[in-house]
Amino acid sequence: MTKLMEWLSVLLAFFAVYLAIISRQVQHDMLDKYMYEIMLSPLILLVLFGAYSAAVVLYRTFTFNNCEEAAKELLEQIKEAREDLRSKGMVFAD
């Protein structure tokens, strides 16, 4: 199952329960007592998801590894490609 399908199934389950509570299909004293918080829960979850997403992006950005060996290898391949193209007549504006 892909991540998209996981998120969509969780959202579908949440909104099914949410709509059942909001439309008063489920009756309970606690639900009546906390109806304001229940009505705000999608907005609260959206803000929490945004904070989580920002934290993950920042964490992965700050812990990104540099590959010095790969950079050197890539520069060497670029030099070889330029030499090959020069031998075939291409002129570079260095």
C-alpha atoms as a PDB file:
ATOM      1  CA  MET A   1       0.000   0.000   0.000  1.00  0.00           C
ATOM      2  CA  THR A   2       1.429   3.371  -0.955  1.00  0.00           C
ATOM      3  CA  LYS A   3       1.724   6.270   1.474  1.00  0.00           C
ATOM      4  CA  LEU A   4      -1.017   8.123  -0.404  1.00  0.00           C
ATOM      5  CA  MET A   5      -3.425   5.228   0.058  1.00  0.00           C
ATOM      6  CA  GLU A   6      -2.531   5.005   3.756  1.00  0.00           C
ATOM      7  CA  TRP A   7      -3.223   8.709   4.287  1.00  0.00           C
ATOM      8  CA  LEU A   8      -6.448   8.577   2.280  1.00  0.00           C
ATOM      9  CA  SER A   9      -7.757   5.572   4.207  1.00  0.00           C
ATOM     10  CA  VAL A  10      -7.009   7.267   7.546  1.00  0.00           C
ATOM     11  CA  LEU A  11      -8.680  10.484   6.367  1.00  0.00           C
ATOM     12  CA  LEU A  12     -11.699   8.573   5.124  1.00  0.00           C
ATOM     13  CA  ALA A  13     -12.073   6.754   8.439  1.00  0.00           C
ATOM     14  CA  PHE A  14     -11.673  10.011  10.386  1.00  0.00           C
ATOM     15  CA  PHE A  15     -14.233  11.891   8.323  1.00  0.00           C
ATOM     16  CA  ALA A  16     -16.702   9.000   8.454  1.00  0.00           C
ATOM     17  CA  VAL A  17     -16.648   9.103  12.252  1.00  0.00           C
ATOM     18  CA  TYR A  18     -16.551  12.921  12.242  1.00  0.00           C
ATOM     19  CA  LEU A  19     -19.615  13.223  10.009  1.00  0.00           C
ATOM     20  CA  ALA A  20     -21.509  10.643  12.057  1.00  0.00           C
ATOM     21  CA  ILE A  21     -20.859  12.665  15.216  1.00  0.00           C
ATOM     22  CA  ILE A  22     -21.609  16.059  13.643  1.00  0.00           C
ATOM     23  CA  SER A  23     -24.856  14.860  12.069  1.00  0.00           C
ATOM     24  CA  ARG A  24     -25.910  13.458  15.469  1.00  0.00           C
ATOM     25  CA  GLN A  25     -26.086   9.867  14.258  1.00  0.00           C
ATOM     26  CA  VAL A  26     -24.128   8.939  17.383  1.00  0.00           C
ATOM     27  CA  GLN A  27     -25.619  10.125  20.674  1.00  0.00           C
ATOM     28  CA  HIS A  28     -23.659  10.470  23.894  1.00  0.00           C
ATOM     29  CA  ASP A  29     -23.493  13.012  26.719  1.00  0.00           C
ATOM     30  CA  MET A  30     -19.747  13.471  26.261  1.00  0.00           C
ATOM     31  CA  LEU A  31     -20.211  14.300  22.570  1.00  0.00           C
ATOM     32  CA  ASP A  32     -22.722  16.996  23.453  1.00  0.00           C
ATOM     33  CA  LYS A  33     -20.370  18.403  26.078  1.00  0.00           C
ATOM     34  CA  TYR A  34     -17.366  18.640  23.693  1.00  0.00           C
ATOM     35  CA  MET A  35     -19.187  19.436  20.426  1.00  0.00           C
ATOM     36  CA  TYR A  36     -17.266  22.714  19.897  1.00  0.00           C
ATOM     37  CA  GLU A  37     -13.900  20.938  20.142  1.00  0.00           C
ATOM     38  CA  ILE A  38     -15.141  18.147  17.885  1.00  0.00           C
ATOM     39  CA  MET A  39     -16.231  20.658  15.263  1.00  0.00           C
ATOM     40  CA  LEU A  40     -12.779  22.297  15.346  1.00  0.00           C
ATOM     41  CA  SER A  41     -10.861  19.001  15.190  1.00  0.00           C
ATOM     42  CA  PRO A  42     -10.315  18.988  11.370  1.00  0.00           C
ATOM     43  CA  LEU A  43      -8.766  22.453  11.556  1.00  0.00           C
ATOM     44  CA  ILE A  44      -6.599  21.454  14.515  1.00  0.00           C
ATOM     45  CA  LEU A  45      -5.469  18.303  12.710  1.00  0.00           C
ATOM     46  CA  LEU A  46      -4.646  20.318   9.593  1.00  0.00           C
ATOM     47  CA  VAL A  47      -2.448  22.682  11.618  1.00  0.00           C
ATOM     48  CA  LEU A  48      -0.743  19.740  13.337  1.00  0.00           C
ATOM     49  CA  PHE A  49      -0.127  18.060   9.975  1.00  0.00           C
ATOM     50  CA  GLY A  50       1.430  21.270   8.638  1.00  0.00           C
ATOM     51  CA  ALA A  51       3.716  21.526  11.667  1.00  0.00           C
ATOM     52  CA  TYR A  52       4.711  17.866  11.315  1.00  0.00           C
ATOM     53  CA  SER A  53       5.423  18.298   7.589  1.00  0.00           C
ATOM     54  CA  ALA A  54       7.546  21.398   8.208  1.00  0.00           C
ATOM     55  CA  ALA A  55       9.482  19.617  10.953  1.00  0.00           C
ATOM     56  CA  VAL A  56      10.187  16.600   8.717  1.00  0.00           C
ATOM     57  CA  VAL A  57      11.334  18.779   5.813  1.00  0.00           C
ATOM     58  CA  LEU A  58      13.602  20.856   8.068  1.00  0.00           C
ATOM     59  CA  TYR A  59      15.039  17.776   9.783  1.00  0.00           C
ATOM     60  CA  ARG A  60      15.802  16.049   6.509  1.00  0.00           C
ATOM     61  CA  THR A  61      17.304  19.243   5.085  1.00  0.00           C
ATOM     62  CA  PHE A  62      19.642  19.741   8.035  1.00  0.00           C
ATOM     63  CA  THR A  63      20.715  16.083   8.150  1.00  0.00           C
ATOM     64  CA  PHE A  64      21.340  15.789   4.407  1.00  0.00           C
ATOM     65  CA  ASN A  65      24.692  14.110   3.797  1.00  0.00           C
ATOM     66  CA  ASN A  66      27.279  15.432   1.360  1.00  0.00           C
ATOM     67  CA  CYS A  67      29.015  12.837  -0.756  1.00  0.00           C
ATOM     68  CA  GLU A  68      32.498  14.194  -1.406  1.00  0.00           C
ATOM     69  CA  GLU A  69      33.599  11.113  -3.344  1.00  0.00           C
ATOM     70  CA  ALA A  70      30.564  11.259  -5.606  1.00  0.00           C
ATOM     71  CA  ALA A  71      31.148  14.968  -6.246  1.00  0.00           C
ATOM     72  CA  LYS A  72      34.761  14.324  -7.254  1.00  0.00           C
ATOM     73  CA  GLU A  73      33.698  11.450  -9.494  1.00  0.00           C
ATOM     74  CA  LEU A  74      31.046  13.604 -11.158  1.00  0.00           C
ATOM     75  CA  LEU A  75      33.538  16.422 -11.810  1.00  0.00           C
ATOM     76  CA  GLU A  76      35.929  13.901 -13.358  1.00  0.00           C
ATOM     77  CA  GLN A  77      33.174  12.580 -15.617  1.00  0.00           C
ATOM     78  CA  ILE A  78      32.324  16.141 -16.671  1.00  0.00           C
ATOM     79  CA  LYS A  79      35.978  16.745 -17.593  1.00  0.00           C
ATOM     80  CA  GLU A  80      36.073  13.512 -19.608  1.00  0.00           C
ATOM     81  CA  ALA A  81      32.846  14.421 -21.404  1.00  0.00           C
ATOM     82  CA  ARG A  82      34.161  17.897 -22.268  1.00  0.00           C
ATOM     83  CA  GLU A  83      37.406  16.437 -23.621  1.00  0.00           C
ATOM     84  CA  ASP A  84      35.440  13.943 -25.708  1.00  0.00           C
ATOM     85  CA  LEU A  85      33.195  16.683 -27.106  1.00  0.00           C
ATOM     86  CA  ARG A  86      36.188  18.932 -27.827  1.00  0.00           C
ATOM     87  CA  SER A  87      37.799  16.086 -29.783  1.00  0.00           C
ATOM     88  CA  LYS A  88      34.617  15.895 -31.865  1.00  0.00           C
ATOM     89  CA  GLY A  89      34.717  19.636 -32.654  1.00  0.00           C
ATOM     90  CA  MET A  90      32.500  21.276 -30.064  1.00  0.00           C
ATOM     91  CA  VAL A  91      33.679  24.653 -28.744  1.00  0.00           C
ATOM     92  CA  PHE A  92      32.926  25.647 -25.144  1.00  0.00           C
ATOM     93  CA  ALA A  93      32.706  29.224 -23.867  1.00  0.00           C
ATOM     94  CA  ASP A  94      34.591  28.750 -20.581  1.00  0.00           C
END
